[in-house]
């Protein structure tokens, strides 16, 4: 599967990365597309399906985590 064709989408608010202000601003600073920014920098990003939680949705979900050294990614 070509992971670059997967569009990153927040599973909380259902917005694409390029529709969320925090990713637009952060990606602009690094001169990259919001999709690429989420793929590279978002800790909750699931590379298999493109799911992630933006900051507001991550907080609303109770800030899910796994015990170290594992990390929680969006299902």
C-alpha atoms as a PDB file:
ATOM      1  CA  UNK A   1       0.000   0.000   0.000  1.00  0.00           C
ATOM      2  CA  UNK A   2       1.289   3.483  -0.844  1.00  0.00           C
ATOM      3  CA  UNK A   3       1.096   5.372   2.455  1.00  0.00           C
ATOM      4  CA  UNK A   4       1.517   8.728   0.721  1.00  0.00           C
ATOM      5  CA  UNK A   5      -1.920   8.288  -0.886  1.00  0.00           C
ATOM      6  CA  UNK A   6      -3.576   7.910   2.512  1.00  0.00           C
ATOM      7  CA  UNK A   7      -5.083  11.214   3.599  1.00  0.00           C
ATOM      8  CA  UNK A   8      -4.473  11.935   7.296  1.00  0.00           C
ATOM      9  CA  UNK A   9      -7.809  12.464   9.062  1.00  0.00           C
ATOM     10  CA  UNK A  10      -8.587  13.130  12.710  1.00  0.00           C
ATOM     11  CA  UNK A  11     -10.857  10.431  14.060  1.00  0.00           C
ATOM     12  CA  UNK A  12     -12.362  12.807  16.601  1.00  0.00           C
ATOM     13  CA  UNK A  13     -13.480  15.813  14.549  1.00  0.00           C
ATOM     14  CA  UNK A  14     -13.222  14.013  11.166  1.00  0.00           C
ATOM     15  CA  UNK A  15     -11.201  16.868   9.675  1.00  0.00           C
ATOM     16  CA  UNK A  16      -8.323  16.329   7.282  1.00  0.00           C
ATOM     17  CA  UNK A  17      -4.935  17.613   8.411  1.00  0.00           C
ATOM     18  CA  UNK A  18      -5.124  20.536   5.978  1.00  0.00           C
ATOM     19  CA  UNK A  19      -8.367  21.685   7.647  1.00  0.00           C
ATOM     20  CA  UNK A  20      -6.909  21.958  11.166  1.00  0.00           C
ATOM     21  CA  UNK A  21      -5.250  25.254  12.064  1.00  0.00           C
ATOM     22  CA  UNK A  22      -2.537  23.787  14.308  1.00  0.00           C
ATOM     23  CA  UNK A  23      -1.227  21.627  11.442  1.00  0.00           C
ATOM     24  CA  UNK A  24      -1.561  24.379   8.857  1.00  0.00           C
ATOM     25  CA  UNK A  25       0.559  26.727  10.991  1.00  0.00           C
ATOM     26  CA  UNK A  26       3.149  24.125  11.979  1.00  0.00           C
ATOM     27  CA  UNK A  27       3.555  22.841   8.437  1.00  0.00           C
ATOM     28  CA  UNK A  28       3.892  26.403   7.084  1.00  0.00           C
ATOM     29  CA  UNK A  29       6.780  27.020   9.477  1.00  0.00           C
ATOM     30  CA  UNK A  30       8.575  23.983   8.064  1.00  0.00           C
ATOM     31  CA  UNK A  31       7.557  24.689   4.460  1.00  0.00           C
ATOM     32  CA  UNK A  32       5.711  21.404   4.049  1.00  0.00           C
ATOM     33  CA  UNK A  33       2.147  20.241   3.391  1.00  0.00           C
ATOM     34  CA  UNK A  34      -0.047  19.605   6.458  1.00  0.00           C
ATOM     35  CA  UNK A  35      -0.445  15.960   5.387  1.00  0.00           C
ATOM     36  CA  UNK A  36       3.314  15.468   5.397  1.00  0.00           C
ATOM     37  CA  UNK A  37       3.648  17.281   8.703  1.00  0.00           C
ATOM     38  CA  UNK A  38       1.132  14.940  10.369  1.00  0.00           C
ATOM     39  CA  UNK A  39       2.760  11.868   8.820  1.00  0.00           C
ATOM     40  CA  UNK A  40       6.166  12.899  10.185  1.00  0.00           C
ATOM     41  CA  UNK A  41       5.422  14.747  13.420  1.00  0.00           C
ATOM     42  CA  UNK A  42       2.049  13.683  14.876  1.00  0.00           C
ATOM     43  CA  UNK A  43       2.614  11.141  17.640  1.00  0.00           C
ATOM     44  CA  UNK A  44      -0.882   9.656  17.399  1.00  0.00           C
ATOM     45  CA  UNK A  45      -0.646   9.123  13.625  1.00  0.00           C
ATOM     46  CA  UNK A  46      -1.384   5.595  12.411  1.00  0.00           C
ATOM     47  CA  UNK A  47       0.653   4.971   9.246  1.00  0.00           C
ATOM     48  CA  UNK A  48      -1.515   2.020   8.262  1.00  0.00           C
ATOM     49  CA  UNK A  49      -4.812   3.912   7.896  1.00  0.00           C
ATOM     50  CA  UNK A  50      -4.057   7.651   8.208  1.00  0.00           C
ATOM     51  CA  UNK A  51      -5.938   8.093  11.467  1.00  0.00           C
ATOM     52  CA  UNK A  52      -4.768  10.493  14.174  1.00  0.00           C
ATOM     53  CA  UNK A  53      -6.202  12.725  16.876  1.00  0.00           C
ATOM     54  CA  UNK A  54      -5.632  16.476  16.764  1.00  0.00           C
ATOM     55  CA  UNK A  55      -4.752  18.112  20.079  1.00  0.00           C
ATOM     56  CA  UNK A  56      -8.326  19.066  20.997  1.00  0.00           C
ATOM     57  CA  UNK A  57      -9.670  15.595  20.170  1.00  0.00           C
ATOM     58  CA  UNK A  58      -6.751  13.895  21.952  1.00  0.00           C
ATOM     59  CA  UNK A  59      -7.556  15.855  25.109  1.00  0.00           C
ATOM     60  CA  UNK A  60     -11.301  15.153  24.712  1.00  0.00           C
ATOM     61  CA  UNK A  61     -10.498  11.429  24.400  1.00  0.00           C
ATOM     62  CA  UNK A  62      -8.767  11.509  27.790  1.00  0.00           C
ATOM     63  CA  UNK A  63      -5.219  11.692  26.383  1.00  0.00           C
ATOM     64  CA  UNK A  64      -4.867   7.950  25.717  1.00  0.00           C
ATOM     65  CA  UNK A  65      -1.440   6.450  26.340  1.00  0.00           C
ATOM     66  CA  UNK A  66       0.381   3.152  26.644  1.00  0.00           C
ATOM     67  CA  UNK A  67       3.085   2.261  29.165  1.00  0.00           C
ATOM     68  CA  UNK A  68       6.623   3.162  28.076  1.00  0.00           C
ATOM     69  CA  UNK A  69       8.251   2.207  25.732  1.00  0.00           C
ATOM     70  CA  UNK A  70       5.090   1.688  23.677  1.00  0.00           C
ATOM     71  CA  UNK A  71       3.214   4.650  22.289  1.00  0.00           C
ATOM     72  CA  UNK A  72      -0.473   5.067  21.631  1.00  0.00           C
ATOM     73  CA  UNK A  73      -1.534   5.559  18.038  1.00  0.00           C
ATOM     74  CA  UNK A  74      -5.036   6.151  16.774  1.00  0.00           C
ATOM     75  CA  UNK A  75      -6.806   2.952  15.762  1.00  0.00           C
END
